[in-house]
Structures are given as structure tokens and as C-alpha cells.
Amino acid sequence: LSEDLINLSGRKFHAKRNHISKFKNCYPDYRFEEITNSNKEDAYKVMLDWCAENEIDIEHYEEKNAIREALDNMEEFKMHGGIVYVKDKAVAMTLGCEISPIAFDICFEKALREYDGIYAVINNEFAKTLSSYKYINREEDMGIEGLKKSKLSYNPIILIARYNATLKNDGN
């Protein structure tokens, strides 16, 4: 529920509130901005820095192209996003779009690990801009155990079972 991601109320969000509090204490000069044409290159730079931090070969990283296209066509794709800055350095970005009048989908989220608590901060700050939606879809974990654990830590109210299917080749 967007309300949960905005307010982080109750015991189940205690750890998230602690991460955010620690971040704010370490970086009291942080700021959140929605992505616009004037700062979209900062969002792209976060992705490039994230790739470097994670030793990802940027030349063969296909998500890079998807993020570039999304940023270049935000208005046409009806996408919205946000950036967290520490001083003047962009350290986190998120980008998504409406999937229905009551649901918003987070398509991309990147943050620099050296800023402890930054993922909780970008998630919470951006959720605040999405209060008109009942649901925020944090998308698929793609079978990545760490990503699955992170997504489950937000206490989703709906989990949809995923299946893989293969076409049986019967020789005809």
C-alpha cells in the first residue's frame, strides 16, 4: 500500500525507519527532487555510478539502454521519478509509471551503497509523491535472493505467483 510506504507505521517498518533516520543523521544536507528535463542526466549518472560500484560491464548492460530511453521519453511514456542528492551529488534515482488509476509501478531504482539507508530514503521520498495511488508495485525480484529479501521487507500486501512455461516440441 502506498500509505504503508509513505508513513512506515508500526513495528513491521521499524528497520526502515531506522535506516532512514541513520541516513538523515549522516547526511542532513540531503535533498529529494522529482526528475525533470533539467536533472534527468543526474538520474542517468546514478545508474552509471551504480554500475561502476557493482563492477558491471556498462557496454553489455541492457538496462542502461532502457533507463536512457525512459529518461529521454518521460513525457511520452508518462513516467515520473525522483533523485536523492547529498550535497550536490546524485546518489539515488527511481523511475516509474502509472499502471492504473490506483496503482503506480516502480520500473527502475538505483542507489549508491556507500550511503547507508539510501534505498529506504529514495523509496520513502518518492512514495510521498505518489499518495494519490492506493498501490505501489515494486515489481519482480527476478529470482535474485537479495532483491527478493529487500522487496519482502516492505511487507507487500499482494504477491503474485510467477510461472515459467516452455513450449513442448513434439517433433511436428
Protein backbone atom coordinates (compact mmCIF):
# COMPACT_ATOMS: atom_id res chain seq x y z
CA LEU A 1 0.00 0.00 0.00
CA SER A 2 1.29 3.47 -0.83
CA GLU A 3 0.11 4.57 2.63
CA ASP A 4 2.49 2.00 4.18
CA LEU A 5 5.46 3.14 2.08
CA ILE A 6 4.76 6.79 2.89
CA ASN A 7 4.14 6.51 6.65
CA LEU A 8 6.21 3.43 7.56
CA SER A 9 3.99 2.97 10.61
CA GLY A 10 4.19 0.14 13.11
CA ARG A 11 6.70 -2.50 14.14
CA LYS A 12 6.88 -4.05 10.71
CA PHE A 13 8.59 -0.90 9.37
CA HIS A 14 10.84 -0.27 12.37
CA ALA A 15 14.00 -1.26 10.45
CA LYS A 16 13.10 1.03 7.51
CA ARG A 17 12.56 3.98 9.85
CA ASN A 18 15.95 3.25 11.47
CA HIS A 19 17.70 3.17 8.08
CA ILE A 20 16.12 6.48 7.12
CA SER A 21 16.97 8.05 10.47
CA LYS A 22 20.60 6.93 10.22
CA PHE A 23 20.84 8.33 6.68
CA LYS A 24 19.33 11.67 7.70
CA ASN A 25 21.70 11.93 10.68
CA CYS A 26 24.73 11.20 8.48
CA TYR A 27 23.59 13.42 5.59
CA PRO A 28 21.43 16.22 7.00
CA ASP A 29 22.02 18.22 3.81
CA TYR A 30 20.36 15.65 1.54
CA ARG A 31 17.51 16.67 -0.72
CA PHE A 32 14.95 14.93 -2.91
CA GLU A 33 13.92 16.25 -6.32
CA GLU A 34 11.47 14.91 -8.84
CA ILE A 35 13.10 14.13 -12.19
CA THR A 36 12.71 16.88 -14.78
CA ASN A 37 14.43 17.67 -18.06
CA SER A 38 16.92 19.80 -16.14
CA ASN A 39 18.15 16.98 -13.86
CA LYS A 40 17.48 13.77 -15.79
CA GLU A 41 21.20 13.43 -16.60
CA ASP A 42 21.83 13.23 -12.85
CA ALA A 43 19.50 10.21 -12.72
CA TYR A 44 21.42 8.58 -15.57
CA LYS A 45 24.71 9.33 -13.80
CA VAL A 46 23.45 7.46 -10.71
CA MET A 47 22.89 4.41 -12.91
CA LEU A 48 26.42 4.72 -14.35
CA ASP A 49 27.91 5.12 -10.86
CA TRP A 50 25.85 2.14 -9.65
CA CYS A 51 27.25 0.03 -12.50
CA ALA A 52 30.81 1.04 -11.59
CA GLU A 53 30.19 0.30 -7.91
CA ASN A 54 28.86 -3.16 -8.81
CA GLU A 55 31.57 -3.84 -11.42
CA ILE A 56 29.01 -4.20 -14.20
CA ASP A 57 30.23 -4.04 -17.79
CA ILE A 58 28.33 -0.96 -18.91
CA GLU A 59 28.76 -1.79 -22.60
CA HIS A 60 26.77 -5.02 -22.18
CA TYR A 61 24.30 -3.83 -19.55
CA GLU A 62 20.95 -3.72 -21.37
CA GLU A 63 19.06 -1.98 -18.55
CA LYS A 64 21.25 1.05 -19.28
CA ASN A 65 19.51 1.41 -22.65
CA ALA A 66 16.06 1.03 -21.09
CA ILE A 67 16.83 3.71 -18.49
CA ARG A 68 18.25 6.04 -21.16
CA GLU A 69 15.13 5.61 -23.32
CA ALA A 70 12.82 6.06 -20.33
CA LEU A 71 14.56 9.28 -19.29
CA ASP A 72 14.62 10.63 -22.84
CA ASN A 73 10.91 9.90 -23.31
CA MET A 74 9.49 10.55 -19.84
CA GLU A 75 6.63 12.72 -21.06
CA GLU A 76 5.68 10.41 -23.92
CA PHE A 77 5.86 7.34 -21.65
CA LYS A 78 4.10 9.26 -18.83
CA MET A 79 6.89 8.38 -16.41
CA HIS A 80 7.78 10.09 -13.15
CA GLY A 81 10.80 9.71 -10.97
CA GLY A 82 12.97 11.13 -8.25
CA ILE A 83 16.57 11.73 -7.31
CA VAL A 84 18.21 11.99 -3.89
CA TYR A 85 21.20 14.30 -3.64
CA VAL A 86 23.81 14.52 -0.92
CA LYS A 87 25.29 17.99 -1.19
CA ASP A 88 25.26 18.29 -4.98
CA LYS A 89 25.94 14.65 -5.81
CA ALA A 90 23.08 12.50 -7.09
CA VAL A 91 23.22 9.27 -5.05
CA ALA A 92 19.89 7.56 -5.84
CA MET A 93 17.27 7.54 -8.58
CA THR A 94 13.91 5.93 -9.17
CA LEU A 95 11.61 5.98 -12.15
CA GLY A 96 8.19 4.51 -12.86
CA CYS A 97 4.75 4.98 -14.36
CA GLU A 98 1.07 4.59 -13.68
CA ILE A 99 -0.34 1.16 -14.48
CA SER A 100 -3.89 2.02 -13.47
CA PRO A 101 -5.66 4.91 -11.72
CA ILE A 102 -4.96 3.20 -8.38
CA ALA A 103 -1.52 1.66 -8.99
CA PHE A 104 1.94 3.02 -9.79
CA ASP A 105 4.82 0.81 -10.95
CA ILE A 106 8.44 1.39 -9.92
CA CYS A 107 10.37 0.35 -13.03
CA PHE A 108 13.91 1.38 -12.03
CA GLU A 109 15.65 2.11 -8.76
CA LYS A 110 19.40 2.57 -8.32
CA ALA A 111 21.36 3.89 -5.36
CA LEU A 112 24.96 4.03 -4.24
CA ARG A 113 25.69 1.55 -1.43
CA GLU A 114 28.18 3.82 0.32
CA TYR A 115 25.21 5.90 1.52
CA ASP A 116 23.78 3.60 4.17
CA GLY A 117 19.98 3.70 4.19
CA ILE A 118 19.71 5.33 0.77
CA TYR A 119 17.35 2.73 -0.71
CA ALA A 120 14.88 3.24 2.13
CA VAL A 121 15.18 7.02 1.67
CA ILE A 122 14.58 7.07 -2.11
CA ASN A 123 11.67 4.67 -1.71
CA ASN A 124 10.05 6.73 1.06
CA GLU A 125 10.63 10.13 -0.53
CA PHE A 126 9.27 9.04 -3.89
CA ALA A 127 6.30 7.27 -2.29
CA LYS A 128 5.34 10.62 -0.77
CA THR A 129 4.83 11.96 -4.30
CA LEU A 130 2.52 9.02 -5.09
CA SER A 131 -0.10 9.49 -2.36
CA SER A 132 -2.92 9.61 -4.91
CA TYR A 133 -2.34 5.90 -5.67
CA LYS A 134 -3.55 3.09 -3.44
CA TYR A 135 -0.80 0.70 -4.51
CA ILE A 136 2.85 0.97 -5.43
CA ASN A 137 4.14 -2.02 -7.36
CA ARG A 138 7.79 -2.73 -6.53
CA GLU A 139 8.00 -5.19 -9.46
CA GLU A 140 9.56 -8.59 -9.94
CA ASP A 141 12.55 -9.86 -7.94
CA MET A 142 13.72 -11.89 -10.96
CA GLY A 143 14.69 -14.77 -8.68
CA ILE A 144 17.55 -12.75 -7.16
CA GLU A 145 17.58 -13.75 -3.49
CA GLY A 146 18.88 -10.40 -2.12
CA LEU A 147 16.36 -8.46 -4.18
CA LYS A 148 13.56 -10.77 -3.07
CA LYS A 149 14.52 -10.25 0.58
CA SER A 150 14.61 -6.48 0.10
CA LYS A 151 11.21 -6.40 -1.59
CA LEU A 152 9.65 -8.60 1.08
CA SER A 153 10.98 -6.23 3.76
CA TYR A 154 8.41 -3.69 2.55
CA ASN A 155 5.62 -6.06 3.63
CA PRO A 156 3.74 -6.36 0.34
CA ILE A 157 0.02 -6.95 0.65
CA ILE A 158 -0.17 -8.89 -2.62
CA LEU A 159 2.30 -11.40 -4.01
CA ILE A 160 1.52 -12.84 -7.39
CA ALA A 161 2.86 -16.31 -8.11
CA ARG A 162 5.11 -16.40 -11.16
CA TYR A 163 5.44 -19.33 -13.50
CA ASN A 164 7.73 -20.23 -16.37
CA ALA A 165 6.40 -22.17 -19.30
CA THR A 166 8.21 -23.88 -22.12
CA LEU A 167 6.74 -24.99 -25.36
CA LYS A 168 6.91 -28.73 -25.73
CA ASN A 169 8.48 -29.67 -29.02
CA ASP A 170 6.58 -32.77 -30.16
CA GLY A 171 8.56 -33.10 -33.37
CA ASN A 172 5.77 -31.89 -35.70
